[in-house]
mmCIF file of all heavy atoms, coordinates in Angstrom:
data_MODEL
# 
_entry.id   MODEL 
# 
loop_
_atom_site.group_PDB 
_atom_site.id 
_atom_site.type_symbol 
_atom_site.label_atom_id 
_atom_site.label_alt_id 
_atom_site.label_comp_id 
_atom_site.label_asym_id 
_atom_site.label_entity_id 
_atom_site.label_seq_id 
_atom_site.pdbx_PDB_ins_code 
_atom_site.Cartn_x 
_atom_site.Cartn_y 
_atom_site.Cartn_z 
_atom_site.occupancy 
_atom_site.B_iso_or_equiv 
_atom_site.pdbx_formal_charge 
_atom_site.auth_seq_id 
_atom_site.auth_comp_id 
_atom_site.auth_asym_id 
_atom_site.auth_atom_id 
_atom_site.pdbx_PDB_model_num 
ATOM 1   N N   . PRO A 1 1  ? 20.179 -5.463  -5.583  1.00 0.00 ? 1  PRO A N   1 
ATOM 2   C CA  . PRO A 1 1  ? 20.312 -7.050  -5.424  1.00 0.00 ? 1  PRO A CA  1 
ATOM 3   C C   . PRO A 1 1  ? 18.936 -7.683  -5.274  1.00 0.00 ? 1  PRO A C   1 
ATOM 4   O O   . PRO A 1 1  ? 18.562 -8.644  -5.821  1.00 0.00 ? 1  PRO A O   1 
ATOM 5   C CB  . PRO A 1 1  ? 21.079 -7.244  -4.151  1.00 0.00 ? 1  PRO A CB  1 
ATOM 6   C CG  . PRO A 1 1  ? 21.689 -5.841  -3.915  1.00 0.00 ? 1  PRO A CG  1 
ATOM 7   C CD  . PRO A 1 1  ? 20.973 -4.808  -4.592  1.00 0.00 ? 1  PRO A CD  1 
ATOM 8   N N   . VAL A 1 2  ? 17.870 -6.951  -4.600  1.00 0.00 ? 2  VAL A N   1 
ATOM 9   C CA  . VAL A 1 2  ? 16.580 -7.541  -4.417  1.00 0.00 ? 2  VAL A CA  1 
ATOM 10  C C   . VAL A 1 2  ? 15.937 -7.544  -5.773  1.00 0.00 ? 2  VAL A C   1 
ATOM 11  O O   . VAL A 1 2  ? 15.216 -8.458  -6.141  1.00 0.00 ? 2  VAL A O   1 
ATOM 12  C CB  . VAL A 1 2  ? 15.741 -6.668  -3.414  1.00 0.00 ? 2  VAL A CB  1 
ATOM 13  C CG1 . VAL A 1 2  ? 14.362 -7.201  -3.280  1.00 0.00 ? 2  VAL A CG1 1 
ATOM 14  C CG2 . VAL A 1 2  ? 16.502 -6.926  -1.990  1.00 0.00 ? 2  VAL A CG2 1 
ATOM 15  N N   . TYR A 1 3  ? 15.962 -6.363  -6.459  1.00 0.00 ? 3  TYR A N   1 
ATOM 16  C CA  . TYR A 1 3  ? 15.433 -6.384  -7.791  1.00 0.00 ? 3  TYR A CA  1 
ATOM 17  C C   . TYR A 1 3  ? 15.925 -7.465  -8.742  1.00 0.00 ? 3  TYR A C   1 
ATOM 18  O O   . TYR A 1 3  ? 15.146 -8.054  -9.371  1.00 0.00 ? 3  TYR A O   1 
ATOM 19  C CB  . TYR A 1 3  ? 15.728 -4.985  -8.487  1.00 0.00 ? 3  TYR A CB  1 
ATOM 20  C CG  . TYR A 1 3  ? 15.158 -4.737  -9.817  1.00 0.00 ? 3  TYR A CG  1 
ATOM 21  C CD1 . TYR A 1 3  ? 13.875 -4.528  -10.093 1.00 0.00 ? 3  TYR A CD1 1 
ATOM 22  C CD2 . TYR A 1 3  ? 16.000 -4.902  -10.881 1.00 0.00 ? 3  TYR A CD2 1 
ATOM 23  C CE1 . TYR A 1 3  ? 13.352 -4.406  -11.418 1.00 0.00 ? 3  TYR A CE1 1 
ATOM 24  C CE2 . TYR A 1 3  ? 15.666 -4.861  -12.192 1.00 0.00 ? 3  TYR A CE2 1 
ATOM 25  C CZ  . TYR A 1 3  ? 14.378 -4.649  -12.329 1.00 0.00 ? 3  TYR A CZ  1 
ATOM 26  O OH  . TYR A 1 3  ? 13.842 -4.516  -13.725 1.00 0.00 ? 3  TYR A OH  1 
ATOM 27  N N   . ALA A 1 4  ? 17.258 -7.696  -8.660  1.00 0.00 ? 4  ALA A N   1 
ATOM 28  C CA  . ALA A 1 4  ? 17.812 -8.729  -9.477  1.00 0.00 ? 4  ALA A CA  1 
ATOM 29  C C   . ALA A 1 4  ? 17.413 -9.940  -9.170  1.00 0.00 ? 4  ALA A C   1 
ATOM 30  O O   . ALA A 1 4  ? 17.033 -10.902 -9.989  1.00 0.00 ? 4  ALA A O   1 
ATOM 31  C CB  . ALA A 1 4  ? 19.311 -8.547  -9.422  1.00 0.00 ? 4  ALA A CB  1 
ATOM 32  N N   . PHE A 1 5  ? 17.171 -10.290 -7.830  1.00 0.00 ? 5  PHE A N   1 
ATOM 33  C CA  . PHE A 1 5  ? 16.672 -11.537 -7.366  1.00 0.00 ? 5  PHE A CA  1 
ATOM 34  C C   . PHE A 1 5  ? 15.278 -11.732 -7.884  1.00 0.00 ? 5  PHE A C   1 
ATOM 35  O O   . PHE A 1 5  ? 14.778 -12.780 -8.406  1.00 0.00 ? 5  PHE A O   1 
ATOM 36  C CB  . PHE A 1 5  ? 16.745 -11.664 -5.816  1.00 0.00 ? 5  PHE A CB  1 
ATOM 37  C CG  . PHE A 1 5  ? 16.024 -12.797 -5.315  1.00 0.00 ? 5  PHE A CG  1 
ATOM 38  C CD1 . PHE A 1 5  ? 16.568 -13.975 -5.369  1.00 0.00 ? 5  PHE A CD1 1 
ATOM 39  C CD2 . PHE A 1 5  ? 14.847 -12.638 -4.544  1.00 0.00 ? 5  PHE A CD2 1 
ATOM 40  C CE1 . PHE A 1 5  ? 15.920 -15.178 -4.866  1.00 0.00 ? 5  PHE A CE1 1 
ATOM 41  C CE2 . PHE A 1 5  ? 14.206 -13.870 -4.066  1.00 0.00 ? 5  PHE A CE2 1 
ATOM 42  C CZ  . PHE A 1 5  ? 14.775 -15.075 -4.193  1.00 0.00 ? 5  PHE A CZ  1 
ATOM 43  N N   . VAL A 1 6  ? 14.285 -10.785 -7.767  1.00 0.00 ? 6  VAL A N   1 
ATOM 44  C CA  . VAL A 1 6  ? 12.971 -10.824 -8.170  1.00 0.00 ? 6  VAL A CA  1 
ATOM 45  C C   . VAL A 1 6  ? 12.933 -10.939 -9.692  1.00 0.00 ? 6  VAL A C   1 
ATOM 46  O O   . VAL A 1 6  ? 12.061 -11.731 -10.316 1.00 0.00 ? 6  VAL A O   1 
ATOM 47  C CB  . VAL A 1 6  ? 12.202 -9.745  -7.636  1.00 0.00 ? 6  VAL A CB  1 
ATOM 48  C CG1 . VAL A 1 6  ? 10.627 -9.776  -8.186  1.00 0.00 ? 6  VAL A CG1 1 
ATOM 49  C CG2 . VAL A 1 6  ? 12.190 -9.608  -6.155  1.00 0.00 ? 6  VAL A CG2 1 
ATOM 50  N N   . LEU A 1 7  ? 13.843 -10.191 -10.392 1.00 0.00 ? 7  LEU A N   1 
ATOM 51  C CA  . LEU A 1 7  ? 13.816 -10.395 -11.800 1.00 0.00 ? 7  LEU A CA  1 
ATOM 52  C C   . LEU A 1 7  ? 14.148 -11.758 -12.273 1.00 0.00 ? 7  LEU A C   1 
ATOM 53  O O   . LEU A 1 7  ? 13.534 -12.296 -13.320 1.00 0.00 ? 7  LEU A O   1 
ATOM 54  C CB  . LEU A 1 7  ? 14.720 -9.321  -12.410 1.00 0.00 ? 7  LEU A CB  1 
ATOM 55  C CG  . LEU A 1 7  ? 14.802 -9.209  -13.997 1.00 0.00 ? 7  LEU A CG  1 
ATOM 56  C CD1 . LEU A 1 7  ? 13.339 -8.922  -14.576 1.00 0.00 ? 7  LEU A CD1 1 
ATOM 57  C CD2 . LEU A 1 7  ? 15.859 -8.274  -14.281 1.00 0.00 ? 7  LEU A CD2 1 
ATOM 58  N N   . SER A 1 8  ? 14.989 -12.384 -11.562 1.00 0.00 ? 8  SER A N   1 
ATOM 59  C CA  . SER A 1 8  ? 15.411 -13.819 -11.850 1.00 0.00 ? 8  SER A CA  1 
ATOM 60  C C   . SER A 1 8  ? 14.297 -14.790 -11.664 1.00 0.00 ? 8  SER A C   1 
ATOM 61  O O   . SER A 1 8  ? 14.119 -15.712 -12.320 1.00 0.00 ? 8  SER A O   1 
ATOM 62  C CB  . SER A 1 8  ? 16.643 -14.211 -11.121 1.00 0.00 ? 8  SER A CB  1 
ATOM 63  O OG  . SER A 1 8  ? 16.372 -14.454 -9.655  1.00 0.00 ? 8  SER A OG  1 
ATOM 64  N N   . LEU A 1 9  ? 13.481 -14.585 -10.758 1.00 0.00 ? 9  LEU A N   1 
ATOM 65  C CA  . LEU A 1 9  ? 12.128 -15.182 -10.485 1.00 0.00 ? 9  LEU A CA  1 
ATOM 66  C C   . LEU A 1 9  ? 11.038 -15.040 -11.449 1.00 0.00 ? 9  LEU A C   1 
ATOM 67  O O   . LEU A 1 9  ? 10.633 -15.920 -12.117 1.00 0.00 ? 9  LEU A O   1 
ATOM 68  C CB  . LEU A 1 9  ? 11.611 -14.965 -9.097  1.00 0.00 ? 9  LEU A CB  1 
ATOM 69  C CG  . LEU A 1 9  ? 12.523 -15.421 -7.820  1.00 0.00 ? 9  LEU A CG  1 
ATOM 70  C CD1 . LEU A 1 9  ? 11.735 -14.891 -6.642  1.00 0.00 ? 9  LEU A CD1 1 
ATOM 71  C CD2 . LEU A 1 9  ? 12.529 -16.967 -7.728  1.00 0.00 ? 9  LEU A CD2 1 
ATOM 72  N N   . SER A 1 10 ? 10.910 -13.741 -11.767 1.00 0.00 ? 10 SER A N   1 
ATOM 73  C CA  . SER A 1 10 ? 9.664  -13.455 -12.615 1.00 0.00 ? 10 SER A CA  1 
ATOM 74  C C   . SER A 1 10 ? 10.045 -13.229 -14.048 1.00 0.00 ? 10 SER A C   1 
ATOM 75  O O   . SER A 1 10 ? 9.143  -13.478 -14.795 1.00 0.00 ? 10 SER A O   1 
ATOM 76  C CB  . SER A 1 10 ? 9.078  -12.080 -12.147 1.00 0.00 ? 10 SER A CB  1 
ATOM 77  O OG  . SER A 1 10 ? 9.950  -10.994 -12.333 1.00 0.00 ? 10 SER A OG  1 
ATOM 78  N N   . ARG A 1 11 ? 11.235 -12.914 -14.390 1.00 0.00 ? 11 ARG A N   1 
ATOM 79  C CA  . ARG A 1 11 ? 11.668 -12.724 -15.822 1.00 0.00 ? 11 ARG A CA  1 
ATOM 80  C C   . ARG A 1 11 ? 10.797 -11.622 -16.520 1.00 0.00 ? 11 ARG A C   1 
ATOM 81  O O   . ARG A 1 11 ? 10.546 -11.567 -17.594 1.00 0.00 ? 11 ARG A O   1 
ATOM 82  C CB  . ARG A 1 11 ? 11.605 -14.052 -16.652 1.00 0.00 ? 11 ARG A CB  1 
ATOM 83  C CG  . ARG A 1 11 ? 12.673 -15.015 -16.096 1.00 0.00 ? 11 ARG A CG  1 
ATOM 84  C CD  . ARG A 1 11 ? 12.754 -16.203 -17.065 1.00 0.00 ? 11 ARG A CD  1 
ATOM 85  N NE  . ARG A 1 11 ? 13.890 -17.042 -16.735 1.00 0.00 ? 11 ARG A NE  1 
ATOM 86  C CZ  . ARG A 1 11 ? 13.824 -18.207 -16.095 1.00 0.00 ? 11 ARG A CZ  1 
ATOM 87  N NH1 . ARG A 1 11 ? 12.637 -18.641 -15.674 1.00 0.00 ? 11 ARG A NH1 1 
ATOM 88  N NH2 . ARG A 1 11 ? 14.802 -18.807 -15.824 1.00 0.00 ? 11 ARG A NH2 1 
ATOM 89  N N   . ASP A 1 12 ? 10.355 -10.733 -15.508 1.00 0.00 ? 12 ASP A N   1 
ATOM 90  C CA  . ASP A 1 12 ? 9.559  -9.513  -16.063 1.00 0.00 ? 12 ASP A CA  1 
ATOM 91  C C   . ASP A 1 12 ? 9.946  -8.380  -15.272 1.00 0.00 ? 12 ASP A C   1 
ATOM 92  O O   . ASP A 1 12 ? 9.736  -8.327  -14.136 1.00 0.00 ? 12 ASP A O   1 
ATOM 93  C CB  . ASP A 1 12 ? 7.947  -9.920  -15.896 1.00 0.00 ? 12 ASP A CB  1 
ATOM 94  C CG  . ASP A 1 12 ? 7.179  -8.787  -16.516 1.00 0.00 ? 12 ASP A CG  1 
ATOM 95  O OD1 . ASP A 1 12 ? 7.286  -7.632  -16.182 1.00 0.00 ? 12 ASP A OD1 1 
ATOM 96  O OD2 . ASP A 1 12 ? 6.271  -9.073  -17.418 1.00 0.00 ? 12 ASP A OD2 1 
ATOM 97  N N   . ALA A 1 13 ? 10.458 -7.381  -15.995 1.00 0.00 ? 13 ALA A N   1 
ATOM 98  C CA  . ALA A 1 13 ? 10.877 -6.104  -15.421 1.00 0.00 ? 13 ALA A CA  1 
ATOM 99  C C   . ALA A 1 13 ? 9.887  -5.368  -14.602 1.00 0.00 ? 13 ALA A C   1 
ATOM 100 O O   . ALA A 1 13 ? 10.112 -4.867  -13.443 1.00 0.00 ? 13 ALA A O   1 
ATOM 101 C CB  . ALA A 1 13 ? 11.576 -5.255  -16.387 1.00 0.00 ? 13 ALA A CB  1 
ATOM 102 N N   . ALA A 1 14 ? 8.632  -5.263  -15.165 1.00 0.00 ? 14 ALA A N   1 
ATOM 103 C CA  . ALA A 1 14 ? 7.595  -4.455  -14.442 1.00 0.00 ? 14 ALA A CA  1 
ATOM 104 C C   . ALA A 1 14 ? 7.195  -5.302  -13.188 1.00 0.00 ? 14 ALA A C   1 
ATOM 105 O O   . ALA A 1 14 ? 7.043  -4.609  -12.023 1.00 0.00 ? 14 ALA A O   1 
ATOM 106 C CB  . ALA A 1 14 ? 6.434  -4.350  -15.374 1.00 0.00 ? 14 ALA A CB  1 
ATOM 107 N N   . ILE A 1 15 ? 7.111  -6.499  -13.292 1.00 0.00 ? 15 ILE A N   1 
ATOM 108 C CA  . ILE A 1 15 ? 6.667  -7.372  -11.990 1.00 0.00 ? 15 ILE A CA  1 
ATOM 109 C C   . ILE A 1 15 ? 7.740  -7.264  -11.113 1.00 0.00 ? 15 ILE A C   1 
ATOM 110 O O   . ILE A 1 15 ? 7.410  -7.091  -9.806  1.00 0.00 ? 15 ILE A O   1 
ATOM 111 C CB  . ILE A 1 15 ? 6.404  -8.875  -12.481 1.00 0.00 ? 15 ILE A CB  1 
ATOM 112 C CG1 . ILE A 1 15 ? 5.077  -8.918  -13.394 1.00 0.00 ? 15 ILE A CG1 1 
ATOM 113 C CG2 . ILE A 1 15 ? 6.233  -9.648  -11.275 1.00 0.00 ? 15 ILE A CG2 1 
ATOM 114 C CD1 . ILE A 1 15 ? 4.826  -10.274 -13.951 1.00 0.00 ? 15 ILE A CD1 1 
ATOM 115 N N   . ALA A 1 16 ? 8.903  -7.355  -11.463 1.00 0.00 ? 16 ALA A N   1 
ATOM 116 C CA  . ALA A 1 16 ? 10.122 -7.262  -10.531 1.00 0.00 ? 16 ALA A CA  1 
ATOM 117 C C   . ALA A 1 16 ? 10.197 -5.990  -9.844  1.00 0.00 ? 16 ALA A C   1 
ATOM 118 O O   . ALA A 1 16 ? 10.427 -5.931  -8.605  1.00 0.00 ? 16 ALA A O   1 
ATOM 119 C CB  . ALA A 1 16 ? 11.534 -7.591  -11.374 1.00 0.00 ? 16 ALA A CB  1 
ATOM 120 N N   . GLU A 1 17 ? 9.947  -4.931  -10.607 1.00 0.00 ? 17 GLU A N   1 
ATOM 121 C CA  . GLU A 1 17 ? 9.921  -3.569  -9.863  1.00 0.00 ? 17 GLU A CA  1 
ATOM 122 C C   . GLU A 1 17 ? 8.737  -3.492  -8.907  1.00 0.00 ? 17 GLU A C   1 
ATOM 123 O O   . GLU A 1 17 ? 9.034  -3.007  -7.789  1.00 0.00 ? 17 GLU A O   1 
ATOM 124 C CB  . GLU A 1 17 ? 9.809  -2.563  -10.912 1.00 0.00 ? 17 GLU A CB  1 
ATOM 125 C CG  . GLU A 1 17 ? 10.101 -1.152  -10.350 1.00 0.00 ? 17 GLU A CG  1 
ATOM 126 C CD  . GLU A 1 17 ? 10.173 -0.042  -11.474 1.00 0.00 ? 17 GLU A CD  1 
ATOM 127 O OE1 . GLU A 1 17 ? 10.709 -0.305  -12.616 1.00 0.00 ? 17 GLU A OE1 1 
ATOM 128 O OE2 . GLU A 1 17 ? 9.839  1.090   -11.075 1.00 0.00 ? 17 GLU A OE2 1 
ATOM 129 N N   . ASP A 1 18 ? 7.574  -3.925  -9.289  1.00 0.00 ? 18 ASP A N   1 
ATOM 130 C CA  . ASP A 1 18 ? 6.399  -3.951  -8.255  1.00 0.00 ? 18 ASP A CA  1 
ATOM 131 C C   . ASP A 1 18 ? 6.656  -4.729  -7.105  1.00 0.00 ? 18 ASP A C   1 
ATOM 132 O O   . ASP A 1 18 ? 6.474  -4.346  -5.867  1.00 0.00 ? 18 ASP A O   1 
ATOM 133 C CB  . ASP A 1 18 ? 5.209  -4.382  -9.013  1.00 0.00 ? 18 ASP A CB  1 
ATOM 134 C CG  . ASP A 1 18 ? 4.612  -3.508  -10.012 1.00 0.00 ? 18 ASP A CG  1 
ATOM 135 O OD1 . ASP A 1 18 ? 4.934  -2.204  -10.095 1.00 0.00 ? 18 ASP A OD1 1 
ATOM 136 O OD2 . ASP A 1 18 ? 3.690  -3.898  -10.796 1.00 0.00 ? 18 ASP A OD2 1 
ATOM 137 N N   . ILE A 1 19 ? 7.188  -5.892  -7.265  1.00 0.00 ? 19 ILE A N   1 
ATOM 138 C CA  . ILE A 1 19 ? 7.430  -6.758  -6.086  1.00 0.00 ? 19 ILE A CA  1 
ATOM 139 C C   . ILE A 1 19 ? 8.590  -6.263  -5.243  1.00 0.00 ? 19 ILE A C   1 
ATOM 140 O O   . ILE A 1 19 ? 8.475  -6.388  -3.903  1.00 0.00 ? 19 ILE A O   1 
ATOM 141 C CB  . ILE A 1 19 ? 7.775  -8.163  -6.677  1.00 0.00 ? 19 ILE A CB  1 
ATOM 142 C CG1 . ILE A 1 19 ? 6.675  -8.802  -7.402  1.00 0.00 ? 19 ILE A CG1 1 
ATOM 143 C CG2 . ILE A 1 19 ? 8.213  -9.137  -5.392  1.00 0.00 ? 19 ILE A CG2 1 
ATOM 144 C CD1 . ILE A 1 19 ? 5.362  -9.141  -6.632  1.00 0.00 ? 19 ILE A CD1 1 
ATOM 145 N N   . THR A 1 20 ? 9.500  -5.681  -5.871  1.00 0.00 ? 20 THR A N   1 
ATOM 146 C CA  . THR A 1 20 ? 10.656 -5.026  -5.068  1.00 0.00 ? 20 THR A CA  1 
ATOM 147 C C   . THR A 1 20 ? 10.168 -3.811  -4.287  1.00 0.00 ? 20 THR A C   1 
ATOM 148 O O   . THR A 1 20 ? 10.547 -3.850  -3.097  1.00 0.00 ? 20 THR A O   1 
ATOM 149 C CB  . THR A 1 20 ? 11.765 -4.592  -5.997  1.00 0.00 ? 20 THR A CB  1 
ATOM 150 O OG1 . THR A 1 20 ? 12.321 -5.728  -6.777  1.00 0.00 ? 20 THR A OG1 1 
ATOM 151 C CG2 . THR A 1 20 ? 12.988 -3.911  -5.259  1.00 0.00 ? 20 THR A CG2 1 
ATOM 152 N N   . GLN A 1 21 ? 9.487  -3.103  -4.872  1.00 0.00 ? 21 GLN A N   1 
ATOM 153 C CA  . GLN A 1 21 ? 8.710  -2.032  -4.090  1.00 0.00 ? 21 GLN A CA  1 
ATOM 154 C C   . GLN A 1 21 ? 7.920  -2.508  -2.920  1.00 0.00 ? 21 GLN A C   1 
ATOM 155 O O   . GLN A 1 21 ? 7.983  -1.999  -1.723  1.00 0.00 ? 21 GLN A O   1 
ATOM 156 C CB  . GLN A 1 21 ? 7.773  -1.158  -4.972  1.00 0.00 ? 21 GLN A CB  1 
ATOM 157 C CG  . GLN A 1 21 ? 8.608  -0.282  -6.089  1.00 0.00 ? 21 GLN A CG  1 
ATOM 158 C CD  . GLN A 1 21 ? 9.619  0.695   -5.450  1.00 0.00 ? 21 GLN A CD  1 
ATOM 159 O OE1 . GLN A 1 21 ? 9.412  1.207   -4.220  1.00 0.00 ? 21 GLN A OE1 1 
ATOM 160 N NE2 . GLN A 1 21 ? 10.657 0.889   -6.051  1.00 0.00 ? 21 GLN A NE2 1 
ATOM 161 N N   . GLU A 1 22 ? 7.167  -3.507  -3.258  1.00 0.00 ? 22 GLU A N   1 
ATOM 162 C CA  . GLU A 1 22 ? 6.193  -4.126  -2.192  1.00 0.00 ? 22 GLU A CA  1 
ATOM 163 C C   . GLU A 1 22 ? 7.083  -4.788  -1.091  1.00 0.00 ? 22 GLU A C   1 
ATOM 164 O O   . GLU A 1 22 ? 6.933  -4.658  0.136   1.00 0.00 ? 22 GLU A O   1 
ATOM 165 C CB  . GLU A 1 22 ? 5.417  -5.312  -2.841  1.00 0.00 ? 22 GLU A CB  1 
ATOM 166 C CG  . GLU A 1 22 ? 4.448  -5.759  -1.821  1.00 0.00 ? 22 GLU A CG  1 
ATOM 167 C CD  . GLU A 1 22 ? 3.708  -6.981  -2.524  1.00 0.00 ? 22 GLU A CD  1 
ATOM 168 O OE1 . GLU A 1 22 ? 3.274  -6.809  -3.724  1.00 0.00 ? 22 GLU A OE1 1 
ATOM 169 O OE2 . GLU A 1 22 ? 3.097  -7.886  -1.752  1.00 0.00 ? 22 GLU A OE2 1 
ATOM 170 N N   . THR A 1 23 ? 8.329  -5.283  -1.408  1.00 0.00 ? 23 THR A N   1 
ATOM 171 C CA  . THR A 1 23 ? 9.242  -5.915  -0.569  1.00 0.00 ? 23 THR A CA  1 
ATOM 172 C C   . THR A 1 23 ? 9.772  -4.894  0.483   1.00 0.00 ? 23 THR A C   1 
ATOM 173 O O   . THR A 1 23 ? 9.667  -4.982  1.848   1.00 0.00 ? 23 THR A O   1 
ATOM 174 C CB  . THR A 1 23 ? 10.406 -6.484  -1.174  1.00 0.00 ? 23 THR A CB  1 
ATOM 175 O OG1 . THR A 1 23 ? 9.979  -7.620  -2.094  1.00 0.00 ? 23 THR A OG1 1 
ATOM 176 C CG2 . THR A 1 23 ? 11.375 -7.035  -0.203  1.00 0.00 ? 23 THR A CG2 1 
ATOM 177 N N   . PHE A 1 24 ? 10.043 -3.703  -0.031  1.00 0.00 ? 24 PHE A N   1 
ATOM 178 C CA  . PHE A 1 24 ? 10.560 -2.661  0.927   1.00 0.00 ? 24 PHE A CA  1 
ATOM 179 C C   . PHE A 1 24 ? 9.566  -2.056  1.664   1.00 0.00 ? 24 PHE A C   1 
ATOM 180 O O   . PHE A 1 24 ? 9.825  -1.584  2.970   1.00 0.00 ? 24 PHE A O   1 
ATOM 181 C CB  . PHE A 1 24 ? 11.402 -1.580  0.043   1.00 0.00 ? 24 PHE A CB  1 
ATOM 182 C CG  . PHE A 1 24 ? 12.797 -2.049  -0.286  1.00 0.00 ? 24 PHE A CG  1 
ATOM 183 C CD1 . PHE A 1 24 ? 13.009 -2.520  -1.525  1.00 0.00 ? 24 PHE A CD1 1 
ATOM 184 C CD2 . PHE A 1 24 ? 13.839 -1.954  0.717   1.00 0.00 ? 24 PHE A CD2 1 
ATOM 185 C CE1 . PHE A 1 24 ? 14.319 -3.093  -1.824  1.00 0.00 ? 24 PHE A CE1 1 
ATOM 186 C CE2 . PHE A 1 24 ? 15.086 -2.496  0.423   1.00 0.00 ? 24 PHE A CE2 1 
ATOM 187 C CZ  . PHE A 1 24 ? 15.307 -2.954  -1.037  1.00 0.00 ? 24 PHE A CZ  1 
ATOM 188 N N   . LEU A 1 25 ? 8.311  -1.930  1.296   1.00 0.00 ? 25 LEU A N   1 
ATOM 189 C CA  . LEU A 1 25 ? 7.212  -1.441  2.055   1.00 0.00 ? 25 LEU A CA  1 
ATOM 190 C C   . LEU A 1 25 ? 7.008  -2.467  3.251   1.00 0.00 ? 25 LEU A C   1 
ATOM 191 O O   . LEU A 1 25 ? 6.760  -2.090  4.337   1.00 0.00 ? 25 LEU A O   1 
ATOM 192 C CB  . LEU A 1 25 ? 5.848  -1.365  1.239   1.00 0.00 ? 25 LEU A CB  1 
ATOM 193 C CG  . LEU A 1 25 ? 5.810  -0.159  0.342   1.00 0.00 ? 25 LEU A CG  1 
ATOM 194 C CD1 . LEU A 1 25 ? 4.556  -0.251  -0.562  1.00 0.00 ? 25 LEU A CD1 1 
ATOM 195 C CD2 . LEU A 1 25 ? 5.725  1.060   1.131   1.00 0.00 ? 25 LEU A CD2 1 
ATOM 196 N N   . LYS A 1 26 ? 6.861  -3.859  2.915   1.00 0.00 ? 26 LYS A N   1 
ATOM 197 C CA  . LYS A 1 26 ? 6.781  -4.713  3.932   1.00 0.00 ? 26 LYS A CA  1 
ATOM 198 C C   . LYS A 1 26 ? 7.934  -4.722  4.889   1.00 0.00 ? 26 LYS A C   1 
ATOM 199 O O   . LYS A 1 26 ? 7.749  -4.776  6.202   1.00 0.00 ? 26 LYS A O   1 
ATOM 200 C CB  . LYS A 1 26 ? 6.643  -6.196  3.326   1.00 0.00 ? 26 LYS A CB  1 
ATOM 201 C CG  . LYS A 1 26 ? 5.378  -6.446  2.670   1.00 0.00 ? 26 LYS A CG  1 
ATOM 202 C CD  . LYS A 1 26 ? 5.248  -7.796  2.183   1.00 0.00 ? 26 LYS A CD  1 
ATOM 203 C CE  . LYS A 1 26 ? 3.898  -8.102  1.373   1.00 0.00 ? 26 LYS A CE  1 
ATOM 204 N NZ  . LYS A 1 26 ? 3.881  -9.412  0.806   1.00 0.00 ? 26 LYS A NZ  1 
ATOM 205 N N   . ALA A 1 27 ? 9.043  -4.415  4.468   1.00 0.00 ? 27 ALA A N   1 
ATOM 206 C CA  . ALA A 1 27 ? 10.330 -4.458  5.282   1.00 0.00 ? 27 ALA A CA  1 
ATOM 207 C C   . ALA A 1 27 ? 10.218 -3.218  6.300   1.00 0.00 ? 27 ALA A C   1 
ATOM 208 O O   . ALA A 1 27 ? 10.616 -3.303  7.512   1.00 0.00 ? 27 ALA A O   1 
ATOM 209 C CB  . ALA A 1 27 ? 11.607 -4.328  4.464   1.00 0.00 ? 27 ALA A CB  1 
ATOM 210 N N   . ILE A 1 28 ? 9.772  -2.019  5.759   1.00 0.00 ? 28 ILE A N   1 
ATOM 211 C CA  . ILE A 1 28 ? 9.667  -0.818  6.622   1.00 0.00 ? 28 ILE A CA  1 
ATOM 212 C C   . ILE A 1 28 ? 8.487  -1.119  7.782   1.00 0.00 ? 28 ILE A C   1 
ATOM 213 O O   . ILE A 1 28 ? 8.807  -0.881  8.804   1.00 0.00 ? 28 ILE A O   1 
ATOM 214 C CB  . ILE A 1 28 ? 9.010  0.332   5.832   1.00 0.00 ? 28 ILE A CB  1 
ATOM 215 C CG1 . ILE A 1 28 ? 10.225 0.771   4.865   1.00 0.00 ? 28 ILE A CG1 1 
ATOM 216 C CG2 . ILE A 1 28 ? 8.559  1.322   6.702   1.00 0.00 ? 28 ILE A CG2 1 
ATOM 217 C CD1 . ILE A 1 28 ? 9.565  1.844   3.909   1.00 0.00 ? 28 ILE A CD1 1 
ATOM 218 N N   . LYS A 1 29 ? 7.445  -1.864  7.391   1.00 0.00 ? 29 LYS A N   1 
ATOM 219 C CA  . LYS A 1 29 ? 6.489  -2.133  8.383   1.00 0.00 ? 29 LYS A CA  1 
ATOM 220 C C   . LYS A 1 29 ? 6.833  -3.205  9.404   1.00 0.00 ? 29 LYS A C   1 
ATOM 221 O O   . LYS A 1 29 ? 6.418  -3.168  10.571  1.00 0.00 ? 29 LYS A O   1 
ATOM 222 C CB  . LYS A 1 29 ? 5.196  -2.710  7.693   1.00 0.00 ? 29 LYS A CB  1 
ATOM 223 C CG  . LYS A 1 29 ? 4.368  -1.614  6.935   1.00 0.00 ? 29 LYS A CG  1 
ATOM 224 C CD  . LYS A 1 29 ? 3.222  -2.237  6.186   1.00 0.00 ? 29 LYS A CD  1 
ATOM 225 C CE  . LYS A 1 29 ? 2.455  -1.199  5.239   1.00 0.00 ? 29 LYS A CE  1 
ATOM 226 N NZ  . LYS A 1 29 ? 1.380  -1.832  4.555   1.00 0.00 ? 29 LYS A NZ  1 
# 
């Protein structure tokens, strides 16, 4: 769901994946 949300914002799969990974890293911290 987070990836789909970021993909809807960015319209770029690579950017969406990077931002999603960054999101979970920030969430862990």
